[in-house]
C-alpha cells in the first residue's frame, strides 16, 4: 500500500463514524503522511465540540457550529 498521496490535497472532508475515536487518528495521518498542502482546509464532523479535540498543532480552528448532535468545524492548516 502506498503511503504518499499522488498530490497533496487542498480540501479534505472528514466524517468518520461517531464513537469510534477515528477523527483524531485520521487527522494525524493526514498531517504526518504529507497528504495536505501547506494551506489546506479541513472540514470535520464529530460527536463532540471540535474546539475540545486534540488536533495537530499547526491546524487553526476557523469556525465551528453544531446541528443537533453533530458538531462540525472548518480548520485551516498553516
N, C-alpha and C. Protein backbone atom coordinates (compact mmCIF):
# COMPACT_ATOMS: atom_id res chain seq x y z
N UNK A 1 0.84 -1.19 0.00
CA UNK A 1 0.00 0.00 0.00
C UNK A 1 0.88 1.24 0.00
N UNK A 2 0.54 2.16 -0.84
CA UNK A 2 1.30 3.40 -0.96
C UNK A 2 0.87 4.36 0.14
N UNK A 3 1.84 4.97 0.83
CA UNK A 3 1.54 5.88 1.94
C UNK A 3 1.54 7.34 1.52
N UNK A 4 1.97 7.64 0.32
CA UNK A 4 2.05 9.02 -0.13
C UNK A 4 0.96 9.28 -1.16
N UNK A 5 0.20 10.35 -0.98
CA UNK A 5 -0.80 10.74 -1.96
C UNK A 5 -0.08 11.22 -3.22
N UNK A 6 -0.65 10.95 -4.40
CA UNK A 6 -0.01 11.41 -5.64
C UNK A 6 0.24 12.91 -5.62
N UNK A 7 -0.71 13.66 -5.08
CA UNK A 7 -0.57 15.10 -4.87
C UNK A 7 -1.23 15.43 -3.55
N UNK A 8 -0.65 16.32 -2.76
CA UNK A 8 -1.30 16.72 -1.51
C UNK A 8 -2.64 17.39 -1.80
N UNK A 9 -3.56 17.27 -0.86
CA UNK A 9 -4.91 17.80 -1.02
C UNK A 9 -5.02 19.22 -0.47
N UNK A 10 -5.83 20.06 -1.16
CA UNK A 10 -6.13 21.42 -0.71
C UNK A 10 -7.32 21.44 0.22
N UNK A 11 -8.28 20.54 0.00
CA UNK A 11 -9.52 20.48 0.78
C UNK A 11 -9.79 19.02 1.13
N UNK A 12 -10.14 18.77 2.39
CA UNK A 12 -10.45 17.41 2.86
C UNK A 12 -11.73 17.47 3.69
N UNK A 13 -12.59 16.48 3.50
CA UNK A 13 -13.82 16.34 4.28
C UNK A 13 -13.71 15.07 5.12
N UNK A 14 -13.83 15.20 6.43
CA UNK A 14 -13.75 14.05 7.33
C UNK A 14 -15.05 13.91 8.12
N UNK A 15 -15.70 12.78 7.94
CA UNK A 15 -16.94 12.48 8.65
C UNK A 15 -16.90 11.02 9.07
N UNK A 16 -16.01 10.67 10.00
CA UNK A 16 -15.88 9.27 10.41
C UNK A 16 -17.07 8.82 11.27
N UNK A 17 -17.29 7.52 11.37
CA UNK A 17 -18.34 7.03 12.26
C UNK A 17 -18.10 7.54 13.68
N UNK A 18 -19.17 7.97 14.32
CA UNK A 18 -19.05 8.51 15.67
C UNK A 18 -18.78 7.42 16.70
N UNK A 19 -18.21 7.84 17.84
CA UNK A 19 -17.95 6.99 19.00
C UNK A 19 -16.98 5.84 18.70
N UNK A 20 -16.07 6.06 17.75
CA UNK A 20 -15.06 5.05 17.45
C UNK A 20 -13.66 5.63 17.49
N UNK A 21 -13.53 6.89 17.93
CA UNK A 21 -12.23 7.55 18.07
C UNK A 21 -11.42 7.53 16.78
N UNK A 22 -12.06 7.78 15.66
CA UNK A 22 -11.37 7.76 14.37
C UNK A 22 -10.95 9.14 13.87
N UNK A 23 -11.59 10.19 14.36
CA UNK A 23 -11.29 11.52 13.83
C UNK A 23 -9.86 11.95 14.11
N UNK A 24 -9.42 11.84 15.34
CA UNK A 24 -8.07 12.28 15.68
C UNK A 24 -7.03 11.47 14.92
N UNK A 25 -7.21 10.16 14.83
CA UNK A 25 -6.26 9.32 14.09
C UNK A 25 -6.23 9.70 12.61
N UNK A 26 -7.39 10.01 12.05
CA UNK A 26 -7.45 10.42 10.64
C UNK A 26 -6.70 11.72 10.42
N UNK A 27 -6.89 12.67 11.32
CA UNK A 27 -6.20 13.96 11.22
C UNK A 27 -4.70 13.79 11.33
N UNK A 28 -4.27 12.95 12.24
CA UNK A 28 -2.83 12.70 12.41
C UNK A 28 -2.24 12.06 11.16
N UNK A 29 -2.96 11.12 10.55
CA UNK A 29 -2.48 10.51 9.30
C UNK A 29 -2.35 11.55 8.20
N UNK A 30 -3.35 12.39 8.04
CA UNK A 30 -3.28 13.44 7.03
C UNK A 30 -2.05 14.31 7.22
N UNK A 31 -1.80 14.69 8.45
CA UNK A 31 -0.68 15.57 8.76
C UNK A 31 0.67 14.86 8.63
N UNK A 32 0.79 13.70 9.21
CA UNK A 32 2.08 13.02 9.27
C UNK A 32 2.51 12.36 7.97
N UNK A 33 1.57 12.05 7.11
CA UNK A 33 1.91 11.40 5.85
C UNK A 33 2.13 12.38 4.70
N UNK A 34 1.99 13.67 4.97
CA UNK A 34 2.21 14.67 3.92
C UNK A 34 1.09 14.71 2.89
N UNK A 35 -0.13 14.40 3.30
CA UNK A 35 -1.26 14.34 2.38
C UNK A 35 -1.96 15.68 2.22
N UNK A 36 -1.47 16.74 2.88
CA UNK A 36 -2.10 18.05 2.82
C UNK A 36 -1.14 19.09 2.26
N UNK A 37 -1.71 20.06 1.52
CA UNK A 37 -0.88 21.18 1.09
C UNK A 37 -0.60 22.07 2.29
N UNK A 38 0.30 22.99 2.11
CA UNK A 38 0.70 23.86 3.22
C UNK A 38 -0.46 24.66 3.79
N UNK A 39 -1.39 25.10 2.95
CA UNK A 39 -2.51 25.92 3.40
C UNK A 39 -3.85 25.20 3.19
N UNK A 40 -3.90 23.92 3.43
CA UNK A 40 -5.10 23.12 3.22
C UNK A 40 -6.22 23.52 4.19
N UNK A 41 -7.46 23.25 3.77
CA UNK A 41 -8.64 23.43 4.60
C UNK A 41 -9.21 22.05 4.88
N UNK A 42 -9.60 21.81 6.13
CA UNK A 42 -10.12 20.51 6.55
C UNK A 42 -11.46 20.71 7.24
N UNK A 43 -12.49 20.06 6.70
CA UNK A 43 -13.83 20.10 7.28
C UNK A 43 -14.02 18.82 8.08
N UNK A 44 -14.46 18.94 9.32
CA UNK A 44 -14.67 17.76 10.15
C UNK A 44 -16.06 17.75 10.74
N UNK A 45 -16.57 16.53 10.96
CA UNK A 45 -17.80 16.34 11.71
C UNK A 45 -17.48 15.40 12.85
N UNK A 46 -18.06 15.68 14.01
CA UNK A 46 -17.77 14.87 15.19
C UNK A 46 -18.94 14.90 16.15
N UNK A 47 -18.90 14.00 17.14
CA UNK A 47 -19.96 13.94 18.14
C UNK A 47 -19.72 14.93 19.28
N UNK A 48 -18.51 15.47 19.39
CA UNK A 48 -18.16 16.43 20.43
C UNK A 48 -17.72 17.76 19.83
N UNK A 49 -17.64 18.76 20.70
CA UNK A 49 -17.22 20.10 20.24
C UNK A 49 -15.82 20.04 19.65
N UNK A 50 -15.63 20.53 18.44
CA UNK A 50 -14.33 20.47 17.77
C UNK A 50 -13.22 21.19 18.52
N UNK A 51 -13.55 22.29 19.18
CA UNK A 51 -12.51 23.05 19.88
C UNK A 51 -11.91 22.27 21.04
N UNK A 52 -12.56 21.21 21.50
CA UNK A 52 -12.04 20.39 22.58
C UNK A 52 -11.27 19.18 22.11
N UNK A 53 -11.12 19.03 20.80
CA UNK A 53 -10.41 17.87 20.25
C UNK A 53 -8.92 18.15 20.10
N UNK A 54 -8.09 17.17 20.35
CA UNK A 54 -6.63 17.35 20.18
C UNK A 54 -6.24 17.22 18.70
N UNK A 55 -6.24 18.33 18.00
CA UNK A 55 -5.88 18.37 16.59
C UNK A 55 -4.40 18.70 16.43
N UNK A 56 -3.84 18.47 15.24
CA UNK A 56 -2.44 18.85 15.02
C UNK A 56 -2.19 20.31 15.39
N UNK A 57 -1.04 20.58 15.94
CA UNK A 57 -0.72 21.90 16.47
C UNK A 57 -0.73 23.00 15.41
N UNK A 58 -0.48 22.65 14.16
CA UNK A 58 -0.43 23.67 13.12
C UNK A 58 -1.78 23.87 12.42
N UNK A 59 -2.86 23.28 12.97
CA UNK A 59 -4.20 23.50 12.45
C UNK A 59 -4.87 24.58 13.29
N UNK A 60 -5.48 25.54 12.62
CA UNK A 60 -6.18 26.63 13.30
C UNK A 60 -7.68 26.46 13.07
N UNK A 61 -8.45 26.49 14.15
CA UNK A 61 -9.89 26.39 14.05
C UNK A 61 -10.44 27.68 13.47
N UNK A 62 -11.04 27.59 12.30
CA UNK A 62 -11.58 28.77 11.63
C UNK A 62 -13.02 29.04 12.06
N UNK A 63 -13.82 27.96 12.14
CA UNK A 63 -15.22 28.12 12.52
C UNK A 63 -15.77 26.79 13.00
N UNK A 64 -16.66 26.84 13.97
CA UNK A 64 -17.33 25.64 14.45
C UNK A 64 -18.79 25.94 14.76
N UNK A 65 -19.63 24.96 14.51
CA UNK A 65 -21.07 25.07 14.76
C UNK A 65 -21.58 23.68 15.11
N UNK A 66 -22.86 23.59 15.47
CA UNK A 66 -23.46 22.28 15.64
C UNK A 66 -24.89 22.32 15.13
N UNK A 67 -25.34 21.15 14.70
CA UNK A 67 -26.71 20.96 14.23
C UNK A 67 -27.20 19.68 14.89
N UNK A 68 -28.05 19.83 15.89
CA UNK A 68 -28.48 18.65 16.63
C UNK A 68 -27.32 18.04 17.39
N UNK A 69 -27.04 16.80 17.12
CA UNK A 69 -25.94 16.10 17.80
C UNK A 69 -24.63 16.13 17.02
N UNK A 70 -24.63 16.77 15.87
CA UNK A 70 -23.44 16.81 15.02
C UNK A 70 -22.73 18.15 15.19
N UNK A 71 -21.45 18.07 15.50
CA UNK A 71 -20.60 19.26 15.58
C UNK A 71 -19.73 19.27 14.33
N UNK A 72 -19.65 20.41 13.70
CA UNK A 72 -18.83 20.49 12.50
C UNK A 72 -17.90 21.70 12.60
N UNK A 73 -16.77 21.56 11.92
CA UNK A 73 -15.75 22.60 12.02
C UNK A 73 -14.97 22.72 10.73
N UNK A 74 -14.40 23.89 10.54
CA UNK A 74 -13.51 24.14 9.42
C UNK A 74 -12.16 24.55 9.99
N UNK A 75 -11.15 23.81 9.61
CA UNK A 75 -9.78 24.03 10.09
C UNK A 75 -8.91 24.51 8.95
N UNK A 76 -7.98 25.39 9.26
CA UNK A 76 -7.00 25.83 8.28
C UNK A 76 -5.62 25.35 8.71
N UNK A 77 -4.93 24.71 7.79
CA UNK A 77 -3.58 24.24 8.09
C UNK A 77 -2.60 25.38 7.82
N UNK A 78 -1.59 25.48 8.62
CA UNK A 78 -0.58 26.51 8.38
C UNK A 78 -0.16 27.09 9.62
